[in-house]
N, C-alpha and C. Protein backbone atom coordinates (compact mmCIF):
# COMPACT_ATOMS: atom_id res chain seq x y z
N UNK A 1 46.52 47.42 233.26
CA UNK A 1 46.53 46.34 232.30
C UNK A 1 45.16 46.27 231.63
N UNK A 2 45.16 46.31 230.31
CA UNK A 2 43.90 46.28 229.56
C UNK A 2 43.34 44.87 229.55
N UNK A 3 42.04 44.77 229.70
CA UNK A 3 41.41 43.45 229.67
C UNK A 3 41.07 43.09 228.23
N UNK A 4 41.14 41.81 227.93
CA UNK A 4 40.79 41.35 226.59
C UNK A 4 39.33 40.93 226.60
N UNK A 5 38.61 41.34 225.58
CA UNK A 5 37.23 40.91 225.44
C UNK A 5 37.05 40.28 224.08
N UNK A 6 36.19 39.32 224.01
CA UNK A 6 35.88 38.68 222.74
C UNK A 6 34.91 39.53 221.95
N UNK A 7 35.06 39.54 220.66
CA UNK A 7 34.12 40.23 219.80
C UNK A 7 32.76 39.56 219.98
N UNK A 8 31.73 40.31 220.31
CA UNK A 8 30.43 39.69 220.56
C UNK A 8 29.72 39.25 219.28
N UNK A 9 30.32 39.52 218.11
CA UNK A 9 29.70 39.15 216.84
C UNK A 9 30.57 38.18 216.07
N UNK A 10 29.94 37.23 215.42
CA UNK A 10 30.64 36.34 214.52
C UNK A 10 30.18 36.64 213.10
N UNK A 11 31.02 36.32 212.13
CA UNK A 11 30.63 36.42 210.73
C UNK A 11 30.21 35.04 210.28
N UNK A 12 29.05 34.96 209.65
CA UNK A 12 28.47 33.69 209.24
C UNK A 12 28.18 33.72 207.74
N UNK A 13 28.67 32.70 207.02
CA UNK A 13 28.39 32.57 205.59
C UNK A 13 27.17 31.66 205.42
N UNK A 14 26.15 32.17 204.73
CA UNK A 14 24.95 31.37 204.46
C UNK A 14 24.86 31.13 202.96
N UNK A 15 24.33 29.97 202.59
CA UNK A 15 24.37 29.55 201.20
C UNK A 15 22.99 29.24 200.62
N UNK A 16 21.98 29.05 201.43
CA UNK A 16 20.70 28.60 200.90
C UNK A 16 19.49 29.20 201.56
N UNK A 17 18.82 28.42 202.39
CA UNK A 17 17.53 28.83 202.94
C UNK A 17 17.63 29.97 203.95
N UNK A 18 18.85 30.35 204.36
CA UNK A 18 19.03 31.49 205.25
C UNK A 18 19.39 32.77 204.50
N UNK A 19 19.49 32.70 203.17
CA UNK A 19 19.74 33.90 202.37
C UNK A 19 18.58 34.88 202.52
N UNK A 20 18.85 36.15 202.27
CA UNK A 20 17.78 37.16 202.31
C UNK A 20 16.66 36.72 201.37
N UNK A 21 15.43 36.79 201.85
CA UNK A 21 14.27 36.44 201.04
C UNK A 21 13.93 34.96 201.03
N UNK A 22 14.76 34.15 201.61
CA UNK A 22 14.49 32.71 201.65
C UNK A 22 13.78 32.35 202.97
N UNK A 23 13.15 31.17 203.02
CA UNK A 23 12.26 30.82 204.13
C UNK A 23 12.86 30.86 205.54
N UNK A 24 14.13 30.57 205.69
CA UNK A 24 14.70 30.49 207.05
C UNK A 24 15.53 31.72 207.41
N UNK A 25 15.49 32.77 206.57
CA UNK A 25 16.23 33.98 206.87
C UNK A 25 15.81 34.60 208.20
N UNK A 26 14.54 34.46 208.55
CA UNK A 26 14.04 35.01 209.79
C UNK A 26 14.76 34.47 211.02
N UNK A 27 15.32 33.26 210.93
CA UNK A 27 16.07 32.70 212.05
C UNK A 27 17.30 33.55 212.36
N UNK A 28 17.91 34.12 211.33
CA UNK A 28 19.05 35.02 211.55
C UNK A 28 18.58 36.33 212.15
N UNK A 29 17.51 36.87 211.58
CA UNK A 29 17.00 38.16 212.05
C UNK A 29 16.53 38.07 213.50
N UNK A 30 15.87 36.98 213.86
CA UNK A 30 15.38 36.79 215.24
C UNK A 30 16.52 36.74 216.25
N UNK A 31 17.70 36.35 215.79
CA UNK A 31 18.86 36.22 216.67
C UNK A 31 19.79 37.42 216.58
N UNK A 32 19.30 38.51 215.99
CA UNK A 32 20.09 39.73 215.89
C UNK A 32 21.04 39.77 214.72
N UNK A 33 20.84 38.90 213.73
CA UNK A 33 21.70 38.87 212.56
C UNK A 33 21.53 40.11 211.70
N UNK A 34 22.63 40.53 211.08
CA UNK A 34 22.63 41.68 210.18
C UNK A 34 23.36 41.30 208.90
N UNK A 35 22.73 41.58 207.76
CA UNK A 35 23.38 41.31 206.47
C UNK A 35 24.62 42.18 206.35
N UNK A 36 25.72 41.57 205.95
CA UNK A 36 26.99 42.28 205.79
C UNK A 36 27.27 42.55 204.32
N UNK A 37 27.36 41.49 203.51
CA UNK A 37 27.64 41.66 202.08
C UNK A 37 27.58 40.31 201.37
N UNK A 38 27.44 40.35 200.04
CA UNK A 38 27.58 39.10 199.28
C UNK A 38 29.06 38.74 199.20
N UNK A 39 29.33 37.46 198.99
CA UNK A 39 30.70 36.98 198.87
C UNK A 39 30.69 35.70 198.05
N UNK A 40 31.89 35.19 197.78
CA UNK A 40 32.02 33.91 197.07
C UNK A 40 33.07 33.07 197.78
N UNK A 41 32.87 31.77 197.72
CA UNK A 41 33.85 30.85 198.28
C UNK A 41 35.05 30.76 197.34
N UNK A 42 36.12 30.13 197.81
CA UNK A 42 37.20 29.75 196.90
C UNK A 42 36.65 28.66 195.99
N UNK A 43 37.43 28.29 195.00
CA UNK A 43 37.01 27.26 194.05
C UNK A 43 37.28 25.86 194.61
N UNK A 44 36.85 25.63 195.83
CA UNK A 44 37.08 24.35 196.50
C UNK A 44 35.79 23.67 196.93
N UNK A 45 34.65 24.15 196.44
CA UNK A 45 33.36 23.67 196.94
C UNK A 45 32.46 23.23 195.79
N UNK A 46 31.52 22.36 196.14
CA UNK A 46 30.44 21.96 195.23
C UNK A 46 29.13 22.20 195.98
N UNK A 47 28.09 22.50 195.21
CA UNK A 47 26.78 22.77 195.79
C UNK A 47 25.80 21.71 195.29
N UNK A 48 25.02 21.17 196.22
CA UNK A 48 24.08 20.10 195.92
C UNK A 48 22.68 20.47 196.38
N UNK A 49 21.70 19.97 195.65
CA UNK A 49 20.31 20.02 196.11
C UNK A 49 20.05 18.66 196.73
N UNK A 50 19.90 18.65 198.06
CA UNK A 50 19.72 17.41 198.79
C UNK A 50 18.33 16.84 198.54
N UNK A 51 18.12 15.56 198.77
CA UNK A 51 16.79 14.96 198.56
C UNK A 51 15.68 15.69 199.32
N UNK A 52 16.00 16.34 200.42
CA UNK A 52 15.01 17.09 201.19
C UNK A 52 14.64 18.42 200.51
N UNK A 53 15.38 18.77 199.45
CA UNK A 53 15.10 20.01 198.73
C UNK A 53 15.96 21.19 199.15
N UNK A 54 16.77 21.01 200.19
CA UNK A 54 17.61 22.11 200.66
C UNK A 54 18.99 22.01 200.02
N UNK A 55 19.71 23.13 199.95
CA UNK A 55 21.06 23.09 199.39
C UNK A 55 22.08 22.64 200.42
N UNK A 56 23.15 22.04 199.92
CA UNK A 56 24.25 21.64 200.78
C UNK A 56 25.57 21.98 200.13
N UNK A 57 26.41 22.71 200.83
CA UNK A 57 27.74 23.10 200.36
C UNK A 57 28.76 22.10 200.89
N UNK A 58 29.50 21.48 199.97
CA UNK A 58 30.46 20.45 200.34
C UNK A 58 31.83 20.84 199.80
N UNK A 59 32.85 20.72 200.63
CA UNK A 59 34.21 20.94 200.16
C UNK A 59 34.63 19.68 199.42
N UNK A 60 34.80 19.82 198.09
CA UNK A 60 35.06 18.65 197.26
C UNK A 60 35.70 19.09 195.95
N UNK A 61 36.71 18.36 195.50
CA UNK A 61 37.36 18.64 194.23
C UNK A 61 36.72 17.78 193.15
N UNK A 62 36.65 18.25 191.92
CA UNK A 62 37.00 19.62 191.54
C UNK A 62 35.89 20.57 191.99
N UNK A 63 36.29 21.68 192.52
CA UNK A 63 35.33 22.63 193.04
C UNK A 63 35.16 23.86 192.18
N UNK A 64 34.26 24.72 192.63
CA UNK A 64 33.96 25.98 191.95
C UNK A 64 33.69 27.04 193.00
N UNK A 65 33.70 28.28 192.58
CA UNK A 65 33.31 29.36 193.48
C UNK A 65 31.79 29.37 193.60
N UNK A 66 31.29 29.49 194.82
CA UNK A 66 29.86 29.46 195.09
C UNK A 66 29.47 30.76 195.79
N UNK A 67 28.37 31.35 195.35
CA UNK A 67 27.86 32.58 195.97
C UNK A 67 27.34 32.28 197.37
N UNK A 68 27.69 33.16 198.31
CA UNK A 68 27.18 33.10 199.68
C UNK A 68 26.85 34.52 200.12
N UNK A 69 26.17 34.64 201.23
CA UNK A 69 25.97 35.93 201.89
C UNK A 69 26.68 35.88 203.23
N UNK A 70 27.30 37.00 203.59
CA UNK A 70 27.92 37.11 204.90
C UNK A 70 27.00 37.90 205.81
N UNK A 71 26.81 37.39 207.00
CA UNK A 71 25.98 38.00 208.03
C UNK A 71 26.79 38.12 209.30
N UNK A 72 26.49 39.11 210.11
CA UNK A 72 27.03 39.14 211.46
C UNK A 72 25.93 38.62 212.36
N UNK A 73 26.34 37.89 213.38
CA UNK A 73 25.41 37.27 214.31
C UNK A 73 26.02 37.29 215.70
N UNK A 74 25.29 37.76 216.69
CA UNK A 74 25.83 37.72 218.05
C UNK A 74 26.13 36.27 218.45
N UNK A 75 27.27 36.06 219.09
CA UNK A 75 27.61 34.72 219.55
C UNK A 75 26.51 34.15 220.43
N UNK A 76 25.84 35.00 221.17
CA UNK A 76 24.78 34.54 222.06
C UNK A 76 23.65 33.86 221.29
N UNK A 77 23.42 34.24 220.05
CA UNK A 77 22.37 33.63 219.24
C UNK A 77 22.83 32.45 218.43
N UNK A 78 24.13 32.28 218.29
CA UNK A 78 24.66 31.21 217.43
C UNK A 78 24.33 29.83 217.97
N UNK A 79 24.35 29.66 219.29
CA UNK A 79 24.08 28.35 219.86
C UNK A 79 22.68 27.85 219.55
N UNK A 80 21.70 28.74 219.66
CA UNK A 80 20.33 28.31 219.37
C UNK A 80 20.14 28.07 217.87
N UNK A 81 20.90 28.77 217.03
CA UNK A 81 20.84 28.52 215.59
C UNK A 81 21.43 27.14 215.28
N UNK A 82 22.57 26.86 215.86
CA UNK A 82 23.21 25.57 215.64
C UNK A 82 22.30 24.43 216.08
N UNK A 83 21.58 24.63 217.16
CA UNK A 83 20.67 23.60 217.67
C UNK A 83 19.54 23.28 216.69
N UNK A 84 19.22 24.22 215.79
CA UNK A 84 18.13 24.03 214.83
C UNK A 84 18.58 23.43 213.50
N UNK A 85 19.88 23.27 213.32
CA UNK A 85 20.41 22.75 212.06
C UNK A 85 20.33 21.23 212.07
N UNK A 86 19.59 20.69 211.11
CA UNK A 86 19.42 19.24 211.04
C UNK A 86 20.50 18.60 210.17
N UNK A 87 20.93 17.40 210.55
CA UNK A 87 21.91 16.70 209.74
C UNK A 87 21.32 16.45 208.36
N UNK A 88 22.09 16.48 207.36
CA UNK A 88 23.54 16.44 207.30
C UNK A 88 24.20 17.83 207.29
N UNK A 89 23.43 18.89 207.56
CA UNK A 89 24.01 20.23 207.58
C UNK A 89 24.71 20.49 208.91
N UNK A 90 25.68 21.37 208.86
CA UNK A 90 26.46 21.71 210.04
C UNK A 90 27.10 23.07 209.85
N UNK A 91 27.73 23.58 210.87
CA UNK A 91 28.52 24.80 210.74
C UNK A 91 29.99 24.40 210.77
N UNK A 92 30.79 25.06 209.93
CA UNK A 92 32.23 24.79 209.88
C UNK A 92 32.94 25.98 209.28
N UNK A 93 34.21 25.83 208.95
CA UNK A 93 35.00 26.91 208.36
C UNK A 93 34.85 26.90 206.85
N UNK A 94 34.53 28.07 206.29
CA UNK A 94 34.38 28.25 204.85
C UNK A 94 35.42 29.26 204.40
N UNK A 95 36.14 28.91 203.33
CA UNK A 95 37.16 29.80 202.78
C UNK A 95 36.54 30.66 201.69
N UNK A 96 36.76 31.96 201.79
CA UNK A 96 36.23 32.90 200.80
C UNK A 96 37.31 33.27 199.79
N UNK A 97 36.88 33.71 198.60
CA UNK A 97 37.84 34.02 197.55
C UNK A 97 38.76 35.18 197.92
N UNK A 98 38.39 36.01 198.90
CA UNK A 98 39.27 37.10 199.32
C UNK A 98 40.29 36.65 200.36
N UNK A 99 40.32 35.35 200.67
CA UNK A 99 41.29 34.79 201.61
C UNK A 99 40.78 34.65 203.03
N UNK A 100 39.64 35.25 203.33
CA UNK A 100 39.08 35.15 204.68
C UNK A 100 38.54 33.74 204.93
N UNK A 101 38.57 33.33 206.18
CA UNK A 101 37.93 32.10 206.61
C UNK A 101 36.88 32.48 207.65
N UNK A 102 35.64 32.06 207.40
CA UNK A 102 34.54 32.40 208.28
C UNK A 102 33.76 31.14 208.63
N UNK A 103 32.96 31.23 209.67
CA UNK A 103 32.04 30.15 210.00
C UNK A 103 30.93 30.17 208.96
N UNK A 104 30.52 29.00 208.51
CA UNK A 104 29.47 28.95 207.51
C UNK A 104 28.75 27.62 207.49
N UNK A 105 27.65 27.61 206.77
CA UNK A 105 26.87 26.39 206.62
C UNK A 105 27.59 25.45 205.65
N UNK A 106 27.77 24.22 206.07
CA UNK A 106 28.37 23.17 205.25
C UNK A 106 27.48 21.94 205.33
N UNK A 107 27.77 20.99 204.47
CA UNK A 107 27.03 19.73 204.42
C UNK A 107 28.03 18.59 204.53
N UNK A 108 27.69 17.57 205.30
CA UNK A 108 28.54 16.40 205.38
C UNK A 108 28.59 15.73 204.01
N UNK A 109 29.78 15.30 203.60
CA UNK A 109 30.01 14.81 202.23
C UNK A 109 29.15 13.61 201.86
N UNK A 110 28.85 12.73 202.82
CA UNK A 110 28.07 11.54 202.48
C UNK A 110 26.72 11.89 201.87
N UNK A 111 26.15 13.04 202.23
CA UNK A 111 24.82 13.42 201.76
C UNK A 111 24.81 13.76 200.28
N UNK A 112 25.95 14.07 199.72
CA UNK A 112 26.02 14.42 198.30
C UNK A 112 25.82 13.20 197.41
N UNK A 113 26.01 12.00 197.96
CA UNK A 113 25.87 10.78 197.16
C UNK A 113 24.47 10.62 196.57
N UNK A 114 23.44 11.07 197.29
CA UNK A 114 22.06 10.94 196.83
C UNK A 114 21.47 12.29 196.42
N UNK A 115 22.33 13.26 196.10
CA UNK A 115 21.87 14.62 195.82
C UNK A 115 22.12 14.98 194.37
N UNK A 116 21.50 16.08 193.95
CA UNK A 116 21.69 16.60 192.60
C UNK A 116 22.76 17.68 192.65
N UNK A 117 23.79 17.52 191.84
CA UNK A 117 24.89 18.48 191.80
C UNK A 117 24.41 19.72 191.04
N UNK A 118 24.33 20.85 191.74
CA UNK A 118 23.89 22.11 191.12
C UNK A 118 25.02 23.13 191.12
N UNK A 119 26.25 22.65 191.23
CA UNK A 119 27.42 23.52 191.29
C UNK A 119 27.49 24.48 190.11
N UNK A 120 27.14 24.01 188.92
CA UNK A 120 27.25 24.83 187.71
C UNK A 120 26.44 26.12 187.80
N UNK A 121 25.41 26.15 188.64
CA UNK A 121 24.61 27.37 188.78
C UNK A 121 25.39 28.47 189.49
N UNK A 122 26.38 28.09 190.30
CA UNK A 122 27.19 29.07 191.02
C UNK A 122 26.60 29.53 192.34
N UNK A 123 25.41 29.06 192.68
CA UNK A 123 24.81 29.45 193.94
C UNK A 123 23.34 29.11 193.98
N UNK A 124 22.80 29.03 195.19
CA UNK A 124 21.40 28.66 195.38
C UNK A 124 20.44 29.63 194.72
N UNK A 125 20.66 30.91 194.89
CA UNK A 125 19.75 31.90 194.31
C UNK A 125 19.75 31.80 192.78
N UNK A 126 20.91 31.63 192.19
CA UNK A 126 20.97 31.49 190.72
C UNK A 126 20.30 30.20 190.27
N UNK A 127 20.45 29.15 191.05
CA UNK A 127 19.78 27.89 190.75
C UNK A 127 18.26 28.10 190.70
N UNK A 128 17.73 28.82 191.69
CA UNK A 128 16.30 29.08 191.73
C UNK A 128 15.87 29.99 190.58
N UNK A 129 16.68 30.97 190.25
CA UNK A 129 16.35 31.89 189.16
C UNK A 129 16.34 31.20 187.81
N UNK A 130 17.12 30.16 187.68
CA UNK A 130 17.16 29.41 186.43
C UNK A 130 15.94 28.53 186.27
N UNK A 131 15.06 28.53 187.29
CA UNK A 131 13.82 27.77 187.19
C UNK A 131 14.00 26.29 187.43
N UNK A 132 15.03 25.94 188.16
CA UNK A 132 15.33 24.54 188.38
C UNK A 132 14.88 24.05 189.74
N UNK A 133 13.92 24.72 190.34
CA UNK A 133 13.50 24.41 191.70
C UNK A 133 12.91 23.02 191.84
N UNK A 134 12.55 22.36 190.82
CA UNK A 134 11.87 21.06 190.84
C UNK A 134 12.12 20.19 192.02
């Protein structure tokens, strides 16, 4: 009888400060994370610049497709990453435009009330490239 084993890697969608080249990307690398590929969410999300200056992805209508990066991360490292995520950010299920559902960074909806809606940029990196970092 063959034994079942869990895949030791999870796929993680990152949207902001954990993107390649951004300040918190090292947290993924330190935990054995490997860049997989760029991706986009379904058109069910909005992106906000929170008062703290970080981005927050919220599932909210009307939504748009938002650029994300997919990373693989050993499950063993995911717990310590989750422990470092400050509210209102959290990990949850993110739907991608190719139909996949992966674990990803999300933001609790209440935090969007005091945030700047940057959804039109299509993603955090594009928002920064447009010179809107203010």
